[in-house]
Amino acid sequence: MKELWLKLRNNEVAIFLAKTVFYFVVIFFLVYLYSYSGINQPHFIYNEF
């Protein structure tokens, strides 16, 4: 098991795929939080200047 982990850790393709999946999950989570925060509230359009 340790040998497999070391092979994956040194494999550039595996590192690229892991980073891509990680960043996709982070961006998806942030978009979800942004869209969820606007439920039952009007959009803020800078009315009070």
Protein backbone atom coordinates (compact mmCIF):
# COMPACT_ATOMS: atom_id res chain seq x y z
CA MET A 1 0.00 0.00 0.00
CA LYS A 2 2.82 2.36 0.84
CA GLU A 3 4.51 1.68 -2.50
CA LEU A 4 1.30 2.48 -4.38
CA TRP A 5 0.94 5.74 -2.46
CA LEU A 6 4.52 6.74 -3.28
CA LYS A 7 3.98 5.95 -6.98
CA LEU A 8 0.82 8.08 -7.09
CA ARG A 9 2.48 10.87 -5.14
CA ASN A 10 5.30 11.11 -7.67
CA ASN A 11 3.06 10.73 -10.73
CA GLU A 12 2.48 14.12 -12.41
CA VAL A 13 -0.80 13.06 -14.01
CA ALA A 14 -2.22 11.92 -10.67
CA ILE A 15 -1.15 15.18 -9.02
CA PHE A 16 -2.77 17.21 -11.80
CA LEU A 17 -6.02 15.25 -11.56
CA ALA A 18 -6.12 15.52 -7.78
CA LYS A 19 -5.57 19.29 -7.89
CA THR A 20 -8.20 19.68 -10.62
CA VAL A 21 -10.80 17.75 -8.65
CA PHE A 22 -9.94 19.64 -5.47
CA TYR A 23 -10.27 23.08 -7.10
CA PHE A 24 -13.50 22.06 -8.84
CA VAL A 25 -15.00 21.03 -5.50
CA VAL A 26 -13.90 24.29 -3.85
CA ILE A 27 -15.33 26.44 -6.67
CA PHE A 28 -18.55 24.42 -6.76
CA PHE A 29 -18.94 24.84 -2.98
CA LEU A 30 -18.36 28.60 -3.19
CA VAL A 31 -20.90 28.98 -6.00
CA TYR A 32 -23.37 26.93 -3.99
CA LEU A 33 -22.89 29.15 -0.94
CA TYR A 34 -23.25 32.29 -3.04
CA SER A 35 -26.47 31.11 -4.65
CA TYR A 36 -27.88 29.83 -1.36
CA SER A 37 -27.37 33.17 0.42
CA GLY A 38 -29.83 34.95 -1.86
CA ILE A 39 -32.96 32.94 -1.08
CA ASN A 40 -35.99 35.15 -0.26
CA GLN A 41 -33.93 38.32 -0.56
CA PRO A 42 -33.93 40.86 -3.38
CA HIS A 43 -30.64 41.43 -5.16
CA PHE A 44 -28.65 44.38 -3.88
CA ILE A 45 -28.38 46.96 -6.67
CA TYR A 46 -26.75 49.94 -4.93
CA ASN A 47 -29.88 51.96 -4.25
CA GLU A 48 -28.56 54.16 -1.44
CA PHE A 49 -25.93 56.45 -2.88
